[in-house]
Amino acid sequence: MHKLVYYEVFDNINDAIEREKQIKSKNRQRKIDLVSNKNLAWKDLSNKLRDCHASLAMTRKNEIATLAMTSTIELCRFMYNGH
């Protein structure tokens, strides 16, 4: 089972890529802390992200949001699976 437990939204794809690199470079405990600080119960945030994505699409940012969402979901899967 996979859950989306953390995400960030960016207006600029380069900012999203840079942030992803920063997060990936952190050790496991720092990633856990990052998630826990925003989502203490580690609830599934996929519905919230879909709502956010829909809102961004309405303002012509869906391409950036989709790329950021894809990267974030992959990162969260990586973290959830114990890597």
C-alpha atoms as a PDB file:
ATOM      1  CA  MET A   1       0.000   0.000   0.000  1.00  0.00           C
ATOM      2  CA  HIS A   2       1.261   3.460  -0.893  1.00  0.00           C
ATOM      3  CA  LYS A   3       0.206   6.748   0.642  1.00  0.00           C
ATOM      4  CA  LEU A   4       1.042  10.303  -0.242  1.00  0.00           C
ATOM      5  CA  VAL A   5       2.210  11.727   3.074  1.00  0.00           C
ATOM      6  CA  TYR A   6       4.085  14.847   1.965  1.00  0.00           C
ATOM      7  CA  TYR A   7       4.128  17.233  -0.950  1.00  0.00           C
ATOM      8  CA  GLU A   8       5.060  20.758  -1.885  1.00  0.00           C
ATOM      9  CA  VAL A   9       3.696  22.864  -4.734  1.00  0.00           C
ATOM     10  CA  PHE A  10       5.852  25.170  -6.820  1.00  0.00           C
ATOM     11  CA  ASP A  11       5.108  27.746  -9.492  1.00  0.00           C
ATOM     12  CA  ASN A  12       8.474  27.118 -11.127  1.00  0.00           C
ATOM     13  CA  ILE A  13       9.617  23.651 -12.212  1.00  0.00           C
ATOM     14  CA  ASN A  14      13.273  24.521 -11.555  1.00  0.00           C
ATOM     15  CA  ASP A  15      12.427  25.368  -7.951  1.00  0.00           C
ATOM     16  CA  ALA A  16      10.591  22.045  -7.626  1.00  0.00           C
ATOM     17  CA  ILE A  17      13.547  20.097  -9.008  1.00  0.00           C
ATOM     18  CA  GLU A  18      15.983  21.903  -6.711  1.00  0.00           C
ATOM     19  CA  ARG A  19      13.788  21.183  -3.686  1.00  0.00           C
ATOM     20  CA  GLU A  20      13.495  17.524  -4.658  1.00  0.00           C
ATOM     21  CA  LYS A  21      17.295  17.278  -4.808  1.00  0.00           C
ATOM     22  CA  GLN A  22      17.553  18.886  -1.368  1.00  0.00           C
ATOM     23  CA  ILE A  23      15.083  16.435   0.129  1.00  0.00           C
ATOM     24  CA  LYS A  24      16.654  13.394  -1.528  1.00  0.00           C
ATOM     25  CA  SER A  25      20.066  14.357  -0.147  1.00  0.00           C
ATOM     26  CA  LYS A  26      18.787  14.221   3.453  1.00  0.00           C
ATOM     27  CA  ASN A  27      19.151  11.129   5.583  1.00  0.00           C
ATOM     28  CA  ARG A  28      16.130   8.984   6.412  1.00  0.00           C
ATOM     29  CA  GLN A  29      15.505  10.525   9.846  1.00  0.00           C
ATOM     30  CA  ARG A  30      15.475  14.055   8.439  1.00  0.00           C
ATOM     31  CA  LYS A  31      12.943  12.960   5.797  1.00  0.00           C
ATOM     32  CA  ILE A  32      10.778  11.401   8.509  1.00  0.00           C
ATOM     33  CA  ASP A  33      11.015  14.620  10.514  1.00  0.00           C
ATOM     34  CA  LEU A  34      10.063  16.667   7.450  1.00  0.00           C
ATOM     35  CA  VAL A  35       6.908  14.603   6.949  1.00  0.00           C
ATOM     36  CA  SER A  36       6.050  14.477  10.647  1.00  0.00           C
ATOM     37  CA  ASN A  37       6.316  18.254  11.007  1.00  0.00           C
ATOM     38  CA  LYS A  38       3.662  18.768   8.320  1.00  0.00           C
ATOM     39  CA  ASN A  39       1.618  15.582   8.722  1.00  0.00           C
ATOM     40  CA  LEU A  40       2.007  14.208  12.232  1.00  0.00           C
ATOM     41  CA  ALA A  41      -0.428  11.322  11.705  1.00  0.00           C
ATOM     42  CA  TRP A  42       1.026  10.467   8.280  1.00  0.00           C
ATOM     43  CA  LYS A  43      -2.453  10.689   6.743  1.00  0.00           C
ATOM     44  CA  ASP A  44      -2.926  10.100   3.026  1.00  0.00           C
ATOM     45  CA  LEU A  45      -2.879  13.539   1.378  1.00  0.00           C
ATOM     46  CA  SER A  46      -3.666  12.429  -2.170  1.00  0.00           C
ATOM     47  CA  ASN A  47      -7.164  13.961  -2.143  1.00  0.00           C
ATOM     48  CA  LYS A  48      -5.772  17.246  -0.885  1.00  0.00           C
ATOM     49  CA  LEU A  49      -3.159  17.229  -3.631  1.00  0.00           C
ATOM     50  CA  ARG A  50      -5.788  16.472  -6.280  1.00  0.00           C
ATOM     51  CA  ASP A  51      -7.755  19.502  -5.066  1.00  0.00           C
ATOM     52  CA  CYS A  52      -4.606  21.614  -5.194  1.00  0.00           C
ATOM     53  CA  HIS A  53      -3.770  20.301  -8.651  1.00  0.00           C
ATOM     54  CA  ALA A  54      -7.265  21.103  -9.923  1.00  0.00           C
ATOM     55  CA  SER A  55      -6.929  24.630  -8.604  1.00  0.00           C
ATOM     56  CA  LEU A  56      -3.556  25.090 -10.272  1.00  0.00           C
ATOM     57  CA  ALA A  57      -4.876  23.732 -13.546  1.00  0.00           C
ATOM     58  CA  MET A  58      -7.520  26.422 -13.511  1.00  0.00           C
ATOM     59  CA  THR A  59      -4.760  29.022 -13.370  1.00  0.00           C
ATOM     60  CA  ARG A  60      -2.762  27.469 -16.260  1.00  0.00           C
ATOM     61  CA  LYS A  61      -0.149  25.801 -14.080  1.00  0.00           C
ATOM     62  CA  ASN A  62      -1.166  22.183 -14.545  1.00  0.00           C
ATOM     63  CA  GLU A  63       1.999  21.192 -16.401  1.00  0.00           C
ATOM     64  CA  ILE A  64       4.221  22.367 -13.548  1.00  0.00           C
ATOM     65  CA  ALA A  65       1.918  20.900 -10.908  1.00  0.00           C
ATOM     66  CA  THR A  66       1.854  17.547 -12.694  1.00  0.00           C
ATOM     67  CA  LEU A  67       5.645  17.369 -12.873  1.00  0.00           C
ATOM     68  CA  ALA A  68       6.040  18.430  -9.240  1.00  0.00           C
ATOM     69  CA  MET A  69       3.321  15.999  -8.159  1.00  0.00           C
ATOM     70  CA  THR A  70       4.954  13.107 -10.016  1.00  0.00           C
ATOM     71  CA  SER A  71       8.336  13.794  -8.449  1.00  0.00           C
ATOM     72  CA  THR A  72       6.830  14.212  -4.993  1.00  0.00           C
ATOM     73  CA  ILE A  73       4.815  11.015  -5.221  1.00  0.00           C
ATOM     74  CA  GLU A  74       7.897   9.063  -6.288  1.00  0.00           C
ATOM     75  CA  LEU A  75       9.862  10.554  -3.385  1.00  0.00           C
ATOM     76  CA  CYS A  76       7.092   9.692  -0.934  1.00  0.00           C
ATOM     77  CA  ARG A  77       6.910   6.136  -2.256  1.00  0.00           C
ATOM     78  CA  PHE A  78      10.642   5.884  -1.775  1.00  0.00           C
ATOM     79  CA  MET A  79      10.332   7.085   1.818  1.00  0.00           C
ATOM     80  CA  TYR A  80       7.273   4.924   2.591  1.00  0.00           C
ATOM     81  CA  ASN A  81       8.920   1.743   1.353  1.00  0.00           C
ATOM     82  CA  GLY A  82      11.720   2.133   3.866  1.00  0.00           C
ATOM     83  CA  HIS A  83      14.563   3.406   1.684  1.00  0.00           C
END
